[in-house]
Amino acid sequence: MIPIIKSLISDEDMALCIWDRNGTALCFEPPKTYPLRIEVGYTVTDKSDKLHQAMNTGKVLHNVVPREVFGIAIEGNIVPIFDNGEVAGCMTCVYSVEEKMQAQQKAEEMSKAIGDSKDRIQDILKNAQVTASYMSDMNQFVEKLDDS
């Protein structure tokens, strides 16, 4: 059933998981292009985790999980599943944000490099102005020598 749901949601390389009310993975459809260290039977024990928050509030939550948790940075939505008006568990749909994070890091590096280049250009301009001032002083000195 999860492959059918996965095909309806997106063409992106997503991972889907169904969790019971205790935070235990009941069904897991892994992504195709990256490893995600989750398997059926895995339990989220931290009761402050967003998985448990979604089940406790009955609200859909968006979550960003750093790479330290599963070995890859992911983000996605946690959707509570209701049975007779009570939260019986939830479904998570997550995707890798590694490329996004790498692009952000490259953009930050480029921004720093541009800032550094700007500083160097300003230093060159300042030194060029000092050199021009020295040249002007030398030119005036030479003119005085020629006049004498």
Protein backbone atom coordinates (compact mmCIF):
# COMPACT_ATOMS: atom_id res chain seq x y z
CA MET A 1 0.00 0.00 0.00
CA ILE A 2 2.83 2.42 0.80
CA PRO A 3 4.28 2.20 -2.75
CA ILE A 4 0.86 3.27 -4.07
CA ILE A 5 0.72 6.22 -1.64
CA LYS A 6 4.31 7.10 -2.50
CA SER A 7 3.51 7.19 -6.22
CA LEU A 8 0.56 9.53 -5.56
CA ILE A 9 2.52 11.99 -3.44
CA SER A 10 5.48 12.85 -5.63
CA ASP A 11 8.12 11.72 -8.05
CA GLU A 12 10.75 12.85 -5.55
CA ASP A 13 12.93 10.27 -3.89
CA MET A 14 10.99 10.11 -0.64
CA ALA A 15 10.79 7.74 2.27
CA LEU A 16 7.42 6.90 3.79
CA CYS A 17 6.79 5.29 7.14
CA ILE A 18 3.70 4.34 9.14
CA TRP A 19 4.13 4.59 12.93
CA ASP A 20 1.93 3.25 15.70
CA ARG A 21 0.84 5.32 18.71
CA ASN A 22 3.99 4.27 20.60
CA GLY A 23 6.30 5.62 17.89
CA THR A 24 7.25 2.23 16.44
CA ALA A 25 7.70 1.88 12.69
CA LEU A 26 5.10 -0.57 11.35
CA CYS A 27 5.79 -0.18 7.64
CA PHE A 28 8.67 1.53 5.85
CA GLU A 29 9.21 2.33 2.19
CA PRO A 30 12.86 3.45 1.84
CA PRO A 31 14.13 6.06 -0.59
CA LYS A 32 15.84 4.86 -3.75
CA THR A 33 19.01 6.94 -3.85
CA TYR A 34 20.17 7.42 -0.28
CA PRO A 35 20.36 5.25 2.81
CA LEU A 36 18.03 5.98 5.69
CA ARG A 37 18.67 4.03 8.87
CA ILE A 38 15.07 3.16 9.68
CA GLU A 39 13.53 -0.28 9.60
CA VAL A 40 10.29 -1.88 10.71
CA GLY A 41 10.38 -2.16 14.50
CA TYR A 42 12.50 0.98 15.01
CA THR A 43 11.00 3.01 17.89
CA VAL A 44 11.31 6.73 18.55
CA THR A 45 11.72 6.73 22.33
CA ASP A 46 12.19 10.48 22.86
CA LYS A 47 8.71 11.63 23.86
CA SER A 48 9.63 15.25 23.01
CA ASP A 49 10.33 14.24 19.39
CA LYS A 50 8.10 15.85 16.77
CA LEU A 51 6.68 12.42 15.91
CA HIS A 52 5.17 12.21 19.39
CA GLN A 53 4.22 15.90 19.31
CA ALA A 54 2.17 15.31 16.15
CA MET A 55 0.43 12.34 17.72
CA ASN A 56 -0.22 14.20 20.99
CA THR A 57 -1.64 17.30 19.29
CA GLY A 58 -3.27 15.62 16.29
CA LYS A 59 -1.71 18.27 14.06
CA VAL A 60 0.41 17.90 10.93
CA LEU A 61 3.97 19.00 11.67
CA HIS A 62 6.95 19.76 9.46
CA ASN A 63 10.26 18.47 10.75
CA VAL A 64 13.92 18.94 9.87
CA VAL A 65 16.17 16.15 11.14
CA PRO A 66 19.95 16.76 11.21
CA ARG A 67 22.27 14.17 9.68
CA GLU A 68 23.46 13.08 13.13
CA VAL A 69 20.17 11.24 13.73
CA PHE A 70 19.89 8.98 10.67
CA GLY A 71 23.19 9.61 8.87
CA ILE A 72 21.61 11.98 6.35
CA ALA A 73 19.82 15.31 6.77
CA ILE A 74 16.11 14.95 6.01
CA GLU A 75 12.95 16.97 6.26
CA GLY A 76 9.31 16.26 5.72
CA ASN A 77 5.86 16.09 7.22
CA ILE A 78 4.36 14.08 10.03
CA VAL A 79 0.66 13.42 9.50
CA PRO A 80 -1.44 11.96 12.33
CA ILE A 81 -3.68 8.99 11.45
CA PHE A 82 -7.05 8.97 13.19
CA ASP A 83 -9.23 6.02 14.11
CA ASN A 84 -12.69 6.88 15.47
CA GLY A 85 -11.54 10.42 16.29
CA GLU A 86 -8.44 9.29 18.21
CA VAL A 87 -4.86 9.44 16.99
CA ALA A 88 -3.82 5.86 16.28
CA GLY A 89 -0.41 6.67 14.83
CA CYS A 90 1.05 8.75 12.05
CA MET A 91 2.61 8.67 8.62
CA THR A 92 5.86 10.41 7.80
CA CYS A 93 6.95 11.47 4.36
CA VAL A 94 10.56 12.64 4.27
CA TYR A 95 13.18 13.55 1.69
CA SER A 96 16.89 14.27 1.76
CA VAL A 97 18.03 17.87 2.09
CA GLU A 98 21.73 17.03 1.73
CA GLU A 99 21.97 18.69 -1.71
CA LYS A 100 20.08 21.73 -0.42
CA MET A 101 22.47 21.99 2.54
CA GLN A 102 25.51 21.60 0.28
CA ALA A 103 24.19 24.31 -2.05
CA GLN A 104 23.58 26.59 0.94
CA GLN A 105 27.11 25.95 2.20
CA LYS A 106 28.56 26.73 -1.26
CA ALA A 107 26.50 29.93 -1.41
CA GLU A 108 27.84 30.98 2.01
CA GLU A 109 31.40 30.22 0.89
CA MET A 110 30.88 32.24 -2.31
CA SER A 111 29.43 35.13 -0.32
CA LYS A 112 32.47 35.10 1.98
CA ALA A 113 34.82 34.93 -1.02
CA ILE A 114 33.04 37.89 -2.61
CA GLY A 115 33.32 39.83 0.65
CA ASP A 116 37.02 38.97 0.88
CA SER A 117 37.51 40.05 -2.76
CA LYS A 118 35.75 43.33 -2.04
CA ASP A 119 38.10 43.94 0.90
CA ARG A 120 41.15 43.17 -1.28
CA ILE A 121 39.92 45.47 -4.04
CA GLN A 122 39.44 48.26 -1.50
CA ASP A 123 43.00 47.66 -0.24
CA ILE A 124 44.33 47.84 -3.81
CA LEU A 125 42.38 51.05 -4.44
CA LYS A 126 43.71 52.60 -1.23
CA ASN A 127 47.28 51.63 -2.13
CA ALA A 128 46.79 52.96 -5.67
CA GLN A 129 45.61 56.29 -4.25
CA VAL A 130 48.65 56.45 -1.94
CA THR A 131 50.92 55.62 -4.89
CA ALA A 132 49.22 58.30 -7.03
CA SER A 133 49.76 60.83 -4.24
CA TYR A 134 53.47 59.89 -4.03
CA MET A 135 53.76 60.18 -7.82
CA SER A 136 52.13 63.62 -7.72
CA ASP A 137 54.53 64.72 -4.98
CA MET A 138 57.49 63.40 -7.01
CA ASN A 139 56.22 65.15 -10.13
CA GLN A 140 55.98 68.45 -8.25
CA PHE A 141 59.49 67.92 -6.85
CA VAL A 142 60.87 67.26 -10.35
CA GLU A 143 59.13 70.39 -11.71
CA LYS A 144 60.74 72.49 -8.96
CA LEU A 145 64.14 71.03 -9.86
CA ASP A 146 63.57 71.89 -13.52
CA ASP A 147 62.61 75.47 -12.61
CA SER A 148 65.76 76.04 -10.65
